[in-house]
Amino acid sequence: MIATHQLIPAATYAWIPTQTLDCTISCGSGSTGYVAPSIRPYCTDISAPVGTTVGQRSDTVHLKVGDDFSVAFSQYAWRMLATAATATWSMSAHIIVQPRSDNGLYNNAPVATVMSPINIPINQKTVINVPVADADGDITRCRWSTTFTECGDVCPPGSLPPSTVIYPNCTIVITGQHIDDWFAVTIMVEDFINSTSITPLSSVPVQFLVHVVAAASCTTPPEIIGIPEEQSCTALTVGQNFTSQLIAINYCGPSVTILDIATLSFPGMVQGTIVELNTSTYYNTMQWTPTTAQLGYQVMCAMAYDR
């Protein structure tokens, strides 16, 4: 499915093929020419051990200068959460088609993504860093999502454990208090023309799940190494073949096994199965050839899943 760029199967959720990313604020005169694209994604990642299938899609829409509107997709429902047995979810983005005041060019919205779900040990303060990239080099800040359009029924802080904090640099500090609690984290990433501005150029959503688990006997988590390095940026040209390896290091001895190197990648990224080199080192090989439609930042996340 990944190599052949197939849409994620929708047999279990028959309504998905008909759903679209609709205009929600300043529609009509503020969104001239906008035709809502489908939300059904293309399969990019599968992890049987983690139990996740990941999809993404990218569409081109034709807008006019001066368009300024918001789009959102809302549906039912999040899985059962610690704060709600049933909860509607909603994701919103703000689009402004206006030349920037500093260079006369159109703005590139920031790109941000994060793995989901993230397991956190009970009663231990956990730091989650959301990676963000901005093609214009703008100042970026994160905030909690607000209003139903941005976060549905899971708007922070009430949807999260007490004392959960988000910092402008997109760092979240969270502590789970009960084993097997699940929380939905909903944030907005925004870019600004300079460090003093409080008016965002654009706003993009990031939402993910956090699962509280029992503390492991070995408290040293596995580490992902290899090329590209964490938080690095690799420049490629369209049509250039990129091949590399993700290497996972197990620091907990032979009693612990790394079952998978789960990824959140992008269309066209093809990966091999995980290979055990020895009891401490595992790897998989990935290959990607970027297309014209993928010009700009493509953010990839990876995590080692052990047991």
C-alpha atoms as a PDB file:
ATOM      1  CA  MET A   1       0.000   0.000   0.000  1.00  0.00           C
ATOM      2  CA  ILE A   2       2.809   2.424   0.870  1.00  0.00           C
ATOM      3  CA  ALA A   3       4.997   1.747  -2.164  1.00  0.00           C
ATOM      4  CA  THR A   4       2.035   1.971  -4.537  1.00  0.00           C
ATOM      5  CA  HIS A   5       0.623   5.138  -2.910  1.00  0.00           C
ATOM      6  CA  GLN A   6      -2.770   3.662  -2.033  1.00  0.00           C
ATOM      7  CA  LEU A   7      -5.536   5.324  -0.058  1.00  0.00           C
ATOM      8  CA  ILE A   8      -6.100   3.984   3.453  1.00  0.00           C
ATOM      9  CA  PRO A   9      -8.930   1.381   3.342  1.00  0.00           C
ATOM     10  CA  ALA A  10     -12.221   2.811   4.516  1.00  0.00           C
ATOM     11  CA  ALA A  11     -14.342  -0.338   4.876  1.00  0.00           C
ATOM     12  CA  THR A  12     -14.612   0.059   8.658  1.00  0.00           C
ATOM     13  CA  TYR A  13     -15.405   3.776   8.353  1.00  0.00           C
ATOM     14  CA  ALA A  14     -17.629   3.972   5.285  1.00  0.00           C
ATOM     15  CA  TRP A  15     -18.250   7.709   5.728  1.00  0.00           C
ATOM     16  CA  ILE A  16     -14.581   8.685   5.247  1.00  0.00           C
ATOM     17  CA  PRO A  17     -14.531   8.806   1.403  1.00  0.00           C
ATOM     18  CA  THR A  18     -17.268  11.458   1.386  1.00  0.00           C
ATOM     19  CA  GLN A  19     -15.758  13.743   4.038  1.00  0.00           C
ATOM     20  CA  THR A  20     -13.988  16.999   3.109  1.00  0.00           C
ATOM     21  CA  LEU A  21     -11.908  19.766   4.704  1.00  0.00           C
ATOM     22  CA  ASP A  22     -14.575  22.459   4.825  1.00  0.00           C
ATOM     23  CA  CYS A  23     -14.424  26.219   5.205  1.00  0.00           C
ATOM     24  CA  THR A  24     -15.707  27.236   8.655  1.00  0.00           C
ATOM     25  CA  ILE A  25     -14.898  30.948   9.158  1.00  0.00           C
ATOM     26  CA  SER A  26     -15.062  33.849   6.647  1.00  0.00           C
ATOM     27  CA  CYS A  27     -16.389  31.610   3.898  1.00  0.00           C
ATOM     28  CA  GLY A  28     -17.640  32.929   0.572  1.00  0.00           C
ATOM     29  CA  SER A  29     -15.995  36.293  -0.023  1.00  0.00           C
ATOM     30  CA  GLY A  30     -13.069  35.331   2.243  1.00  0.00           C
ATOM     31  CA  SER A  31     -12.420  32.002   0.527  1.00  0.00           C
ATOM     32  CA  THR A  32     -12.987  32.763  -3.148  1.00  0.00           C
ATOM     33  CA  GLY A  33     -12.170  29.764  -5.298  1.00  0.00           C
ATOM     34  CA  TYR A  34     -11.697  27.321  -2.411  1.00  0.00           C
ATOM     35  CA  VAL A  35     -13.009  23.847  -3.188  1.00  0.00           C
ATOM     36  CA  ALA A  36     -12.898  21.565  -0.155  1.00  0.00           C
ATOM     37  CA  PRO A  37     -10.581  18.566  -0.767  1.00  0.00           C
ATOM     38  CA  SER A  38     -11.141  15.042   0.521  1.00  0.00           C
ATOM     39  CA  ILE A  39      -9.727  14.132   3.929  1.00  0.00           C
ATOM     40  CA  ARG A  40      -9.089  10.465   3.065  1.00  0.00           C
ATOM     41  CA  PRO A  41      -5.310   9.995   3.337  1.00  0.00           C
ATOM     42  CA  TYR A  42      -2.770   7.869   1.537  1.00  0.00           C
ATOM     43  CA  CYS A  43      -1.061   5.141   3.559  1.00  0.00           C
ATOM     44  CA  THR A  44       2.441   6.150   4.664  1.00  0.00           C
ATOM     45  CA  ASP A  45       3.280   4.008   7.718  1.00  0.00           C
ATOM     46  CA  ILE A  46       2.131   0.764   9.339  1.00  0.00           C
ATOM     47  CA  SER A  47       3.306  -0.715  12.647  1.00  0.00           C
ATOM     48  CA  ALA A  48       1.726  -4.007  13.704  1.00  0.00           C
ATOM     49  CA  PRO A  49       3.474  -4.095  17.133  1.00  0.00           C
ATOM     50  CA  VAL A  50       2.318  -0.568  17.981  1.00  0.00           C
ATOM     51  CA  GLY A  51      -1.070  -1.170  16.352  1.00  0.00           C
ATOM     52  CA  THR A  52      -1.119   1.924  14.159  1.00  0.00           C
ATOM     53  CA  THR A  53      -1.713   2.783  10.520  1.00  0.00           C
ATOM     54  CA  VAL A  54      -0.707   6.288   9.450  1.00  0.00           C
ATOM     55  CA  GLY A  55      -1.806   8.282   6.436  1.00  0.00           C
ATOM     56  CA  GLN A  56      -1.173  11.693   4.898  1.00  0.00           C
ATOM     57  CA  ARG A  57      -2.366  13.591   1.860  1.00  0.00           C
ATOM     58  CA  SER A  58      -1.471  16.820   0.107  1.00  0.00           C
ATOM     59  CA  ASP A  59      -3.823  18.694  -2.226  1.00  0.00           C
ATOM     60  CA  THR A  60      -3.503  21.812  -4.363  1.00  0.00           C
ATOM     61  CA  VAL A  61      -6.324  24.339  -4.124  1.00  0.00           C
ATOM     62  CA  HIS A  62      -6.630  27.545  -6.154  1.00  0.00           C
ATOM     63  CA  LEU A  63      -7.189  30.708  -4.130  1.00  0.00           C
ATOM     64  CA  LYS A  64      -7.244  34.435  -4.806  1.00  0.00           C
ATOM     65  CA  VAL A  65      -5.114  37.220  -3.355  1.00  0.00           C
ATOM     66  CA  GLY A  66      -6.743  38.524  -0.203  1.00  0.00           C
ATOM     67  CA  ASP A  67      -8.459  35.291   0.798  1.00  0.00           C
ATOM     68  CA  ASP A  68      -8.454  34.973   4.596  1.00  0.00           C
ATOM     69  CA  PHE A  69     -10.419  32.077   6.082  1.00  0.00           C
ATOM     70  CA  SER A  70     -10.330  28.995   8.302  1.00  0.00           C
ATOM     71  CA  VAL A  71     -10.916  25.353   7.414  1.00  0.00           C
ATOM     72  CA  ALA A  72     -11.709  22.446   9.718  1.00  0.00           C
ATOM     73  CA  PHE A  73     -12.658  18.798   9.832  1.00  0.00           C
ATOM     74  CA  SER A  74     -14.821  17.600  12.717  1.00  0.00           C
ATOM     75  CA  GLN A  75     -16.055  14.076  13.367  1.00  0.00           C
ATOM     76  CA  TYR A  76     -16.962  11.572  16.039  1.00  0.00           C
ATOM     77  CA  ALA A  77     -15.103  10.300  18.010  1.00  0.00           C
ATOM     78  CA  TRP A  78     -11.861  10.013  19.943  1.00  0.00           C
ATOM     79  CA  ARG A  79     -11.225   6.650  21.582  1.00  0.00           C
ATOM     80  CA  MET A  80     -12.345   6.452  25.236  1.00  0.00           C
ATOM     81  CA  LEU A  81     -10.360   9.019  27.212  1.00  0.00           C
ATOM     82  CA  ALA A  82      -9.703   9.600  30.913  1.00  0.00           C
ATOM     83  CA  THR A  83     -11.630  12.870  30.674  1.00  0.00           C
ATOM     84  CA  ALA A  84     -14.472  11.705  28.425  1.00  0.00           C
ATOM     85  CA  ALA A  85     -16.072   8.387  27.539  1.00  0.00           C
ATOM     86  CA  THR A  86     -17.010   9.850  24.148  1.00  0.00           C
ATOM     87  CA  ALA A  87     -15.650  13.028  22.590  1.00  0.00           C
ATOM     88  CA  THR A  88     -15.915  14.732  19.222  1.00  0.00           C
ATOM     89  CA  TRP A  89     -12.655  15.776  17.640  1.00  0.00           C
ATOM     90  CA  SER A  90     -12.038  18.762  15.414  1.00  0.00           C
ATOM     91  CA  MET A  91      -8.962  20.139  13.649  1.00  0.00           C
ATOM     92  CA  SER A  92      -8.760  23.651  12.200  1.00  0.00           C
ATOM     93  CA  ALA A  93      -6.248  25.671  10.190  1.00  0.00           C
ATOM     94  CA  HIS A  94      -6.136  29.388   9.289  1.00  0.00           C
ATOM     95  CA  ILE A  95      -5.230  30.321   5.698  1.00  0.00           C
ATOM     96  CA  ILE A  96      -4.210  33.862   4.665  1.00  0.00           C
ATOM     97  CA  VAL A  97      -3.405  34.587   0.998  1.00  0.00           C
ATOM     98  CA  GLN A  98      -1.767  37.954   1.448  1.00  0.00           C
ATOM     99  CA  PRO A  99       1.796  39.011   0.532  1.00  0.00           C
ATOM    100  CA  ARG A 100       4.004  39.428   3.588  1.00  0.00           C
ATOM    101  CA  SER A 101       4.841  42.955   4.682  1.00  0.00           C
ATOM    102  CA  ASP A 102       8.556  42.179   5.054  1.00  0.00           C
ATOM    103  CA  ASN A 103       9.417  40.665   1.657  1.00  0.00           C
ATOM    104  CA  GLY A 104       6.274  40.803  -0.503  1.00  0.00           C
ATOM    105  CA  LEU A 105       6.167  37.013  -0.815  1.00  0.00           C
ATOM    106  CA  TYR A 106       3.438  34.623   0.228  1.00  0.00           C
ATOM    107  CA  ASN A 107       3.898  32.943   3.578  1.00  0.00           C
ATOM    108  CA  ASN A 108       4.807  29.297   4.060  1.00  0.00           C
ATOM    109  CA  ALA A 109       2.985  27.832   7.053  1.00  0.00           C
ATOM    110  CA  PRO A 110       5.068  25.908   9.598  1.00  0.00           C
ATOM    111  CA  VAL A 111       5.206  22.122   9.412  1.00  0.00           C
ATOM    112  CA  ALA A 112       4.869  20.124  12.624  1.00  0.00           C
ATOM    113  CA  THR A 113       4.179  16.512  13.479  1.00  0.00           C
ATOM    114  CA  VAL A 114       4.510  14.096  16.383  1.00  0.00           C
ATOM    115  CA  MET A 115       4.214  10.352  16.989  1.00  0.00           C
ATOM    116  CA  SER A 116       0.947   8.987  18.368  1.00  0.00           C
ATOM    117  CA  PRO A 117       0.296   7.409  20.764  1.00  0.00           C
ATOM    118  CA  ILE A 118       3.065   8.399  23.159  1.00  0.00           C
ATOM    119  CA  ASN A 119       3.456   6.156  26.237  1.00  0.00           C
ATOM    120  CA  ILE A 120       4.387   7.954  29.446  1.00  0.00           C
ATOM    121  CA  PRO A 121       5.266   6.248  32.789  1.00  0.00           C
ATOM    122  CA  ILE A 122       2.899   6.790  35.680  1.00  0.00           C
ATOM    123  CA  ASN A 123       3.773   9.515  38.223  1.00  0.00           C
ATOM    124  CA  GLN A 124       6.839  10.638  36.273  1.00  0.00           C
ATOM    125  CA  LYS A 125       7.109  14.077  34.733  1.00  0.00           C
ATOM    126  CA  THR A 126       7.512  13.557  30.985  1.00  0.00           C
ATOM    127  CA  VAL A 127       8.730  16.100  28.460  1.00  0.00           C
ATOM    128  CA  ILE A 128       7.307  15.908  24.933  1.00  0.00           C
ATOM    129  CA  ASN A 129       9.002  17.996  22.251  1.00  0.00           C
ATOM    130  CA  VAL A 130       6.951  18.713  19.128  1.00  0.00           C
ATOM    131  CA  PRO A 131       9.315  19.185  16.135  1.00  0.00           C
ATOM    132  CA  VAL A 132       8.501  22.255  14.044  1.00  0.00           C
ATOM    133  CA  ALA A 133      10.026  23.509  10.791  1.00  0.00           C
ATOM    134  CA  ASP A 134       9.323  26.758   8.936  1.00  0.00           C
ATOM    135  CA  ALA A 135      10.537  27.299   5.375  1.00  0.00           C
ATOM    136  CA  ASP A 136      10.635  31.090   5.853  1.00  0.00           C
ATOM    137  CA  GLY A 137      12.694  30.891   9.033  1.00  0.00           C
ATOM    138  CA  ASP A 138       9.898  32.641  10.936  1.00  0.00           C
ATOM    139  CA  ILE A 139       9.438  32.770  14.684  1.00  0.00           C
ATOM    140  CA  THR A 140       7.182  29.836  15.625  1.00  0.00           C
ATOM    141  CA  ARG A 141       5.189  29.372  18.809  1.00  0.00           C
ATOM    142  CA  CYS A 142       2.852  26.722  20.156  1.00  0.00           C
ATOM    143  CA  ARG A 143      -0.299  27.186  22.223  1.00  0.00           C
ATOM    144  CA  TRP A 144      -3.184  25.060  23.417  1.00  0.00           C
ATOM    145  CA  SER A 145      -6.062  24.740  20.986  1.00  0.00           C
ATOM    146  CA  THR A 146      -9.162  26.733  21.917  1.00  0.00           C
ATOM    147  CA  THR A 147     -12.817  26.747  20.780  1.00  0.00           C
ATOM    148  CA  PHE A 148     -14.780  23.778  19.474  1.00  0.00           C
ATOM    149  CA  THR A 149     -13.534  24.252  15.904  1.00  0.00           C
ATOM    150  CA  GLU A 150      -9.901  23.827  16.985  1.00  0.00           C
ATOM    151  CA  CYS A 151     -10.310  20.995  19.495  1.00  0.00           C
ATOM    152  CA  GLY A 152     -13.868  19.668  19.646  1.00  0.00           C
ATOM    153  CA  ASP A 153     -14.621  18.144  23.045  1.00  0.00           C
ATOM    154  CA  VAL A 154     -10.968  17.841  24.105  1.00  0.00           C
ATOM    155  CA  CYS A 155      -9.833  21.424  24.641  1.00  0.00           C
ATOM    156  CA  PRO A 156      -6.997  21.926  27.168  1.00  0.00           C
ATOM    157  CA  PRO A 157      -6.433  22.314  30.014  1.00  0.00           C
ATOM    158  CA  GLY A 158      -9.543  20.414  31.134  1.00  0.00           C
ATOM    159  CA  SER A 159      -8.802  17.528  28.764  1.00  0.00           C
ATOM    160  CA  LEU A 160      -5.363  16.861  30.292  1.00  0.00           C
ATOM    161  CA  PRO A 161      -3.896  15.826  33.683  1.00  0.00           C
ATOM    162  CA  PRO A 162      -3.552  18.599  36.284  1.00  0.00           C
ATOM    163  CA  SER A 163      -0.489  20.858  35.929  1.00  0.00           C
ATOM    164  CA  THR A 164       0.157  19.934  32.286  1.00  0.00           C
ATOM    165  CA  VAL A 165       2.094  22.818  30.714  1.00  0.00           C
ATOM    166  CA  ILE A 166       2.871  23.918  27.162  1.00  0.00           C
ATOM    167  CA  TYR A 167       5.709  26.315  26.381  1.00  0.00           C
ATOM    168  CA  PRO A 168       5.954  28.576  23.320  1.00  0.00           C
ATOM    169  CA  ASN A 169       8.891  26.496  22.002  1.00  0.00           C
ATOM    170  CA  CYS A 170       6.468  23.563  21.571  1.00  0.00           C
ATOM    171  CA  THR A 171       7.598  21.663  24.663  1.00  0.00           C
ATOM    172  CA  ILE A 172       4.880  19.952  26.701  1.00  0.00           C
ATOM    173  CA  VAL A 173       5.373  18.735  30.277  1.00  0.00           C
ATOM    174  CA  ILE A 174       2.829  16.143  31.430  1.00  0.00           C
ATOM    175  CA  THR A 175       2.449  13.703  34.350  1.00  0.00           C
ATOM    176  CA  GLY A 176       0.013  10.769  34.264  1.00  0.00           C
ATOM    177  CA  GLN A 177      -1.533   9.733  37.567  1.00  0.00           C
ATOM    178  CA  HIS A 178      -3.426   6.541  36.684  1.00  0.00           C
ATOM    179  CA  ILE A 179      -2.291   3.526  34.666  1.00  0.00           C
ATOM    180  CA  ASP A 180      -4.088   3.050  31.335  1.00  0.00           C
ATOM    181  CA  ASP A 181      -5.413   6.592  31.221  1.00  0.00           C
ATOM    182  CA  TRP A 182      -5.595   8.027  27.707  1.00  0.00           C
ATOM    183  CA  PHE A 183      -5.461  11.750  26.915  1.00  0.00           C
ATOM    184  CA  ALA A 184      -5.910  13.692  23.682  1.00  0.00           C
ATOM    185  CA  VAL A 185      -3.404  16.540  23.296  1.00  0.00           C
ATOM    186  CA  THR A 186      -4.506  19.349  20.967  1.00  0.00           C
ATOM    187  CA  ILE A 187      -2.222  22.272  20.122  1.00  0.00           C
ATOM    188  CA  MET A 188      -1.851  24.974  17.462  1.00  0.00           C
ATOM    189  CA  VAL A 189       1.495  25.862  15.865  1.00  0.00           C
ATOM    190  CA  GLU A 190       1.745  29.441  14.601  1.00  0.00           C
ATOM    191  CA  ASP A 191       4.365  31.496  12.776  1.00  0.00           C
ATOM    192  CA  PHE A 192       5.047  35.205  13.320  1.00  0.00           C
ATOM    193  CA  ILE A 193       6.784  37.832  11.231  1.00  0.00           C
ATOM    194  CA  ASN A 194       9.127  38.781  14.111  1.00  0.00           C
ATOM    195  CA  SER A 195       9.706  38.092  17.791  1.00  0.00           C
ATOM    196  CA  THR A 196       7.476  40.945  19.001  1.00  0.00           C
ATOM    197  CA  SER A 197       4.456  40.197  16.803  1.00  0.00           C
ATOM    198  CA  ILE A 198       1.373  38.693  18.417  1.00  0.00           C
ATOM    199  CA  THR A 199      -0.544  38.287  15.138  1.00  0.00           C
ATOM    200  CA  PRO A 200       0.100  34.885  13.535  1.00  0.00           C
ATOM    201  CA  LEU A 201       0.765  34.594   9.822  1.00  0.00           C
ATOM    202  CA  SER A 202      -0.862  31.152   9.862  1.00  0.00           C
ATOM    203  CA  SER A 203      -2.056  28.509  12.302  1.00  0.00           C
ATOM    204  CA  VAL A 204      -1.779  24.735  11.891  1.00  0.00           C
ATOM    205  CA  PRO A 205      -3.079  21.993  14.223  1.00  0.00           C
ATOM    206  CA  VAL A 206      -1.207  19.126  15.856  1.00  0.00           C
ATOM    207  CA  GLN A 207      -3.163  16.483  17.773  1.00  0.00           C
ATOM    208  CA  PHE A 208      -2.040  13.207  19.315  1.00  0.00           C
ATOM    209  CA  LEU A 209      -2.746  10.665  22.049  1.00  0.00           C
ATOM    210  CA  VAL A 210      -0.873  10.071  25.314  1.00  0.00           C
ATOM    211  CA  HIS A 211      -1.173   6.737  27.160  1.00  0.00           C
ATOM    212  CA  VAL A 212      -0.167   6.298  30.813  1.00  0.00           C
ATOM    213  CA  VAL A 213       1.680   3.002  31.403  1.00  0.00           C
ATOM    214  CA  ALA A 214       3.408   1.261  34.283  1.00  0.00           C
ATOM    215  CA  ALA A 215       6.993   2.317  34.902  1.00  0.00           C
ATOM    216  CA  ALA A 216       9.472  -0.063  33.279  1.00  0.00           C
ATOM    217  CA  SER A 217      12.068  -1.936  35.314  1.00  0.00           C
ATOM    218  CA  CYS A 218      14.713  -0.473  33.016  1.00  0.00           C
ATOM    219  CA  THR A 219      14.200   3.268  32.925  1.00  0.00           C
ATOM    220  CA  THR A 220      16.574   3.980  30.035  1.00  0.00           C
ATOM    221  CA  PRO A 221      14.490   4.250  26.857  1.00  0.00           C
ATOM    222  CA  PRO A 222      15.796   2.965  23.520  1.00  0.00           C
ATOM    223  CA  GLU A 223      17.484   5.530  21.315  1.00  0.00           C
ATOM    224  CA  ILE A 224      17.154   6.199  17.581  1.00  0.00           C
ATOM    225  CA  ILE A 225      20.398   7.110  15.830  1.00  0.00           C
ATOM    226  CA  GLY A 226      21.589   7.208  12.225  1.00  0.00           C
ATOM    227  CA  ILE A 227      21.277   9.571   9.299  1.00  0.00           C
ATOM    228  CA  PRO A 228      19.465  11.940   9.298  1.00  0.00           C
ATOM    229  CA  GLU A 229      20.265  12.904  12.869  1.00  0.00           C
ATOM    230  CA  GLU A 230      17.560  14.051  15.268  1.00  0.00           C
ATOM    231  CA  GLN A 231      16.358  17.636  14.658  1.00  0.00           C
ATOM    232  CA  SER A 232      18.513  17.858  11.515  1.00  0.00           C
ATOM    233  CA  CYS A 233      17.532  18.903   8.001  1.00  0.00           C
ATOM    234  CA  THR A 234      18.676  17.091   4.846  1.00  0.00           C
ATOM    235  CA  ALA A 235      18.446  18.988   1.529  1.00  0.00           C
ATOM    236  CA  LEU A 236      17.330  16.933  -1.489  1.00  0.00           C
ATOM    237  CA  THR A 237      16.361  17.768  -5.058  1.00  0.00           C
ATOM    238  CA  VAL A 238      13.287  16.494  -6.872  1.00  0.00           C
ATOM    239  CA  GLY A 239      14.017  13.065  -8.319  1.00  0.00           C
ATOM    240  CA  GLN A 240      17.089  12.483  -6.128  1.00  0.00           C
ATOM    241  CA  ASN A 241      17.072   9.037  -4.533  1.00  0.00           C
ATOM    242  CA  PHE A 242      17.574   9.091  -0.763  1.00  0.00           C
ATOM    243  CA  THR A 243      18.558   5.900   1.079  1.00  0.00           C
ATOM    244  CA  SER A 244      19.434   5.660   4.749  1.00  0.00           C
ATOM    245  CA  GLN A 245      19.009   3.585   7.892  1.00  0.00           C
ATOM    246  CA  LEU A 246      17.278   4.174  11.197  1.00  0.00           C
ATOM    247  CA  ILE A 247      19.234   2.468  13.981  1.00  0.00           C
ATOM    248  CA  ALA A 248      17.678   1.669  17.363  1.00  0.00           C
ATOM    249  CA  ILE A 249      19.887   1.040  20.399  1.00  0.00           C
ATOM    250  CA  ASN A 250      18.603  -1.086  23.301  1.00  0.00           C
ATOM    251  CA  TYR A 251      20.223  -0.122  26.627  1.00  0.00           C
ATOM    252  CA  CYS A 252      18.260  -2.576  28.769  1.00  0.00           C
ATOM    253  CA  GLY A 253      20.060  -5.860  28.054  1.00  0.00           C
ATOM    254  CA  PRO A 254      18.954  -9.113  26.396  1.00  0.00           C
ATOM    255  CA  SER A 255      15.730  -9.375  28.441  1.00  0.00           C
ATOM    256  CA  VAL A 256      14.312  -6.479  26.412  1.00  0.00           C
ATOM    257  CA  THR A 257      13.636  -6.707  22.675  1.00  0.00           C
ATOM    258  CA  ILE A 258      12.982  -3.884  20.231  1.00  0.00           C
ATOM    259  CA  LEU A 259       9.930  -5.022  18.269  1.00  0.00           C
ATOM    260  CA  ASP A 260       9.703  -2.208  15.754  1.00  0.00           C
ATOM    261  CA  ILE A 261      11.029   1.170  14.654  1.00  0.00           C
ATOM    262  CA  ALA A 262       7.711   2.946  14.154  1.00  0.00           C
ATOM    263  CA  THR A 263       7.687   6.014  11.922  1.00  0.00           C
ATOM    264  CA  LEU A 264       5.553   8.955  10.953  1.00  0.00           C
ATOM    265  CA  SER A 265       6.866   9.776   7.496  1.00  0.00           C
ATOM    266  CA  PHE A 266       5.387  11.051   4.226  1.00  0.00           C
ATOM    267  CA  PRO A 267       4.111   9.651   0.915  1.00  0.00           C
ATOM    268  CA  GLY A 268       6.660   7.648  -1.047  1.00  0.00           C
ATOM    269  CA  MET A 269       8.921   6.743   1.887  1.00  0.00           C
ATOM    270  CA  VAL A 270       9.461   2.974   1.599  1.00  0.00           C
ATOM    271  CA  GLN A 271      10.927   1.074   4.554  1.00  0.00           C
ATOM    272  CA  GLY A 272      12.177  -2.445   5.082  1.00  0.00           C
ATOM    273  CA  THR A 273      11.383  -4.683   8.045  1.00  0.00           C
ATOM    274  CA  ILE A 274      13.324  -4.304  11.270  1.00  0.00           C
ATOM    275  CA  VAL A 275      16.571  -6.300  11.440  1.00  0.00           C
ATOM    276  CA  GLU A 276      18.225  -7.446  14.689  1.00  0.00           C
ATOM    277  CA  LEU A 277      21.992  -6.997  14.330  1.00  0.00           C
ATOM    278  CA  ASN A 278      22.578  -8.091  17.942  1.00  0.00           C
ATOM    279  CA  THR A 279      20.726  -7.832  21.279  1.00  0.00           C
ATOM    280  CA  SER A 280      21.479  -4.119  21.528  1.00  0.00           C
ATOM    281  CA  THR A 281      21.316  -2.909  17.913  1.00  0.00           C
ATOM    282  CA  TYR A 282      18.402  -3.019  15.479  1.00  0.00           C
ATOM    283  CA  TYR A 283      17.878  -1.205  12.200  1.00  0.00           C
ATOM    284  CA  ASN A 284      15.667  -0.744   9.181  1.00  0.00           C
ATOM    285  CA  THR A 285      16.406   0.723   5.764  1.00  0.00           C
ATOM    286  CA  MET A 286      14.367   3.533   4.226  1.00  0.00           C
ATOM    287  CA  GLN A 287      14.252   4.865   0.684  1.00  0.00           C
ATOM    288  CA  TRP A 288      12.558   7.918  -0.802  1.00  0.00           C
ATOM    289  CA  THR A 289      12.552   9.857  -4.065  1.00  0.00           C
ATOM    290  CA  PRO A 290      10.892  13.290  -3.654  1.00  0.00           C
ATOM    291  CA  THR A 291       8.448  14.553  -6.267  1.00  0.00           C
ATOM    292  CA  THR A 292       7.568  18.061  -7.421  1.00  0.00           C
ATOM    293  CA  ALA A 293       4.414  17.920  -5.305  1.00  0.00           C
ATOM    294  CA  GLN A 294       6.620  17.491  -2.227  1.00  0.00           C
ATOM    295  CA  LEU A 295       8.639  20.685  -2.544  1.00  0.00           C
ATOM    296  CA  GLY A 296       9.219  22.191   0.892  1.00  0.00           C
ATOM    297  CA  TYR A 297       9.735  20.693   4.327  1.00  0.00           C
ATOM    298  CA  GLN A 298       8.835  17.049   4.926  1.00  0.00           C
ATOM    299  CA  VAL A 299       9.027  16.185   8.625  1.00  0.00           C
ATOM    300  CA  MET A 300       9.700  12.621   9.757  1.00  0.00           C
ATOM    301  CA  CYS A 301       9.431  11.171  13.270  1.00  0.00           C
ATOM    302  CA  ALA A 302      10.583   7.775  14.531  1.00  0.00           C
ATOM    303  CA  MET A 303      10.472   5.833  17.779  1.00  0.00           C
ATOM    304  CA  ALA A 304      11.742   2.438  18.916  1.00  0.00           C
ATOM    305  CA  TYR A 305       9.066   0.218  20.433  1.00  0.00           C
ATOM    306  CA  ASP A 306      10.413  -2.330  22.932  1.00  0.00           C
ATOM    307  CA  ARG A 307       9.091  -4.993  25.236  1.00  0.00           C
END
